[in-house]
Amino acid sequence: MEAVVFVFSLLDCCVLIFLSVYFIITLSDLECDYINARSCCSKLNKWVIPELVGHTIVTVLMLISLHWFIFLLNLPVATWNIYRFIMVPSGNMGVFDPTEIHNRGQLKSHMKEAMIKLGFHLLCFFMYLYSMILALIND
């Protein structure tokens, strides 16, 4: 049972790494003016909810399987994703808004957030891989 939890977490983490890289590439395309702000934000806003759901599922799964350290490690990032999604102003297109992305350095902060999430998901990937191998050896 424990190995199944980590296999699912590992697969989910791979998807989240892919999404983080996609966010970085799309935001850097916007920064270099390869795409306009509207198309960039519409592309990114499509993937905000799947990222939120994927990370929340892994966090809840670690809580249910009683892996407290991994749960506590994932909890702040899951909480930040939920907070960011809930606190979108009513007139905005989504978390990424084309009218505000160039104001107040939001592009740089979104890029920094995507880089931090990429590093976090890479750390989690290797942690889940190690835990999965340990669970398989112990079974």
Protein backbone atom coordinates (compact mmCIF):
# COMPACT_ATOMS: atom_id res chain seq x y z
CA MET A 1 0.00 0.00 0.00
CA GLU A 2 2.78 2.40 0.89
CA ALA A 3 4.55 1.81 -2.44
CA VAL A 4 1.33 2.62 -4.32
CA VAL A 5 1.06 5.94 -2.50
CA PHE A 6 4.57 6.90 -3.53
CA VAL A 7 4.12 5.71 -7.12
CA PHE A 8 1.05 7.93 -7.45
CA SER A 9 2.91 10.81 -5.77
CA LEU A 10 5.84 10.30 -8.10
CA LEU A 11 3.62 10.43 -11.19
CA ASP A 12 1.80 13.48 -9.89
CA CYS A 13 5.12 15.15 -9.15
CA CYS A 14 6.27 14.51 -12.73
CA VAL A 15 3.16 16.27 -14.02
CA LEU A 16 3.78 19.20 -11.65
CA ILE A 17 7.40 19.45 -12.83
CA PHE A 18 6.14 19.57 -16.42
CA LEU A 19 3.66 22.32 -15.51
CA SER A 20 6.37 24.34 -13.75
CA VAL A 21 8.61 24.12 -16.81
CA TYR A 22 5.65 25.07 -19.03
CA PHE A 23 4.94 28.11 -16.84
CA ILE A 24 8.60 29.18 -17.00
CA ILE A 25 8.78 28.81 -20.78
CA THR A 26 5.50 30.66 -21.37
CA LEU A 27 6.42 33.50 -19.00
CA SER A 28 9.86 33.84 -20.59
CA ASP A 29 8.18 34.00 -24.03
CA LEU A 30 6.08 36.87 -22.71
CA GLU A 31 9.15 38.55 -21.27
CA CYS A 32 10.91 38.36 -24.65
CA ASP A 33 7.77 39.55 -26.51
CA TYR A 34 7.34 36.34 -28.51
CA ILE A 35 3.68 36.19 -27.45
CA ASN A 36 1.29 38.84 -26.23
CA ALA A 37 0.02 39.13 -22.68
CA ARG A 38 -3.52 37.98 -23.46
CA SER A 39 -2.52 34.69 -25.08
CA CYS A 40 0.13 34.04 -22.42
CA CYS A 41 -2.32 34.54 -19.57
CA SER A 42 -5.04 32.46 -21.22
CA LYS A 43 -2.54 29.60 -21.70
CA LEU A 44 -1.35 29.77 -18.10
CA ASN A 45 -4.80 30.17 -16.54
CA LYS A 46 -5.89 26.87 -18.12
CA TRP A 47 -3.34 25.03 -15.98
CA VAL A 48 -3.82 26.79 -12.62
CA ILE A 49 -6.67 24.53 -11.47
CA PRO A 50 -4.99 21.24 -12.54
CA GLU A 51 -1.85 22.34 -10.67
CA LEU A 52 -3.94 23.20 -7.62
CA VAL A 53 -5.81 19.89 -7.70
CA GLY A 54 -2.66 17.83 -8.31
CA HIS A 55 -0.75 19.36 -5.44
CA THR A 56 -3.72 19.21 -3.07
CA ILE A 57 -4.28 15.52 -3.87
CA VAL A 58 -0.67 14.68 -3.01
CA THR A 59 -0.88 16.67 0.23
CA VAL A 60 -4.10 14.94 1.31
CA LEU A 61 -2.69 11.57 0.28
CA MET A 62 0.33 12.10 2.52
CA LEU A 63 -1.98 13.07 5.38
CA ILE A 64 -4.10 9.95 4.92
CA SER A 65 -1.07 7.65 4.66
CA LEU A 66 0.43 9.26 7.80
CA HIS A 67 3.65 10.54 6.24
CA TRP A 68 3.82 13.60 8.46
CA PHE A 69 7.12 15.07 7.30
CA ILE A 70 6.13 15.00 3.63
CA PHE A 71 2.66 16.30 4.50
CA LEU A 72 4.12 19.23 6.44
CA LEU A 73 6.55 19.90 3.60
CA ASN A 74 3.73 20.02 1.02
CA LEU A 75 1.20 21.92 3.14
CA PRO A 76 2.61 25.47 2.68
CA VAL A 77 2.79 25.12 -1.11
CA ALA A 78 -0.74 23.70 -1.31
CA THR A 79 -2.00 26.46 0.96
CA TRP A 80 -0.26 29.09 -1.17
CA ASN A 81 -1.84 27.68 -4.36
CA ILE A 82 -5.31 27.73 -2.79
CA TYR A 83 -4.79 31.24 -1.39
CA ARG A 84 -3.57 32.55 -4.74
CA PHE A 85 -6.57 31.04 -6.54
CA ILE A 86 -9.11 32.34 -4.02
CA MET A 87 -7.69 35.89 -3.83
CA VAL A 88 -8.06 36.69 -7.54
CA PRO A 89 -9.84 40.08 -7.85
CA SER A 90 -13.31 39.92 -9.39
CA GLY A 91 -12.48 41.72 -12.64
CA ASN A 92 -9.37 39.71 -13.46
CA MET A 93 -9.13 36.96 -16.06
CA GLY A 94 -7.62 34.59 -13.51
CA VAL A 95 -4.44 34.25 -11.48
CA PHE A 96 -2.54 35.55 -14.51
CA ASP A 97 -4.22 38.73 -15.78
CA PRO A 98 -3.01 40.38 -19.02
CA THR A 99 -3.76 43.92 -17.86
CA GLU A 100 -1.76 43.56 -14.65
CA ILE A 101 1.05 41.17 -15.58
CA HIS A 102 3.41 43.98 -16.67
CA ASN A 103 2.46 46.25 -13.75
CA ARG A 104 4.26 46.27 -10.41
CA GLY A 105 6.77 43.63 -11.48
CA GLN A 106 4.22 40.81 -11.53
CA LEU A 107 5.95 39.11 -14.45
CA LYS A 108 9.17 38.82 -12.46
CA SER A 109 7.33 37.59 -9.37
CA HIS A 110 5.41 34.99 -11.41
CA MET A 111 8.69 33.85 -12.95
CA LYS A 112 10.35 33.63 -9.53
CA GLU A 113 7.39 31.67 -8.15
CA ALA A 114 7.54 29.22 -11.07
CA MET A 115 11.29 28.71 -10.51
CA ILE A 116 10.78 28.10 -6.78
CA LYS A 117 7.99 25.61 -7.52
CA LEU A 118 10.22 23.83 -10.04
CA GLY A 119 12.95 23.45 -7.43
CA PHE A 120 10.42 22.30 -4.84
CA HIS A 121 8.91 19.71 -7.19
CA LEU A 122 12.34 18.40 -8.15
CA LEU A 123 13.19 17.99 -4.47
CA CYS A 124 9.89 16.20 -3.90
CA PHE A 125 10.48 13.98 -6.94
CA PHE A 126 13.70 12.60 -5.52
CA MET A 127 12.19 12.32 -2.05
CA TYR A 128 9.21 10.33 -3.42
CA LEU A 129 11.54 8.19 -5.52
CA TYR A 130 13.67 7.36 -2.48
CA SER A 131 10.57 6.64 -0.37
CA MET A 132 9.10 4.41 -3.09
CA ILE A 133 12.30 2.39 -3.37
CA LEU A 134 12.44 2.08 0.41
CA ALA A 135 8.81 0.92 0.53
CA LEU A 136 9.42 -1.65 -2.20
CA ILE A 137 12.48 -3.03 -0.42
CA ASN A 138 10.62 -3.28 2.88
CA ASP A 139 7.70 -5.19 1.30
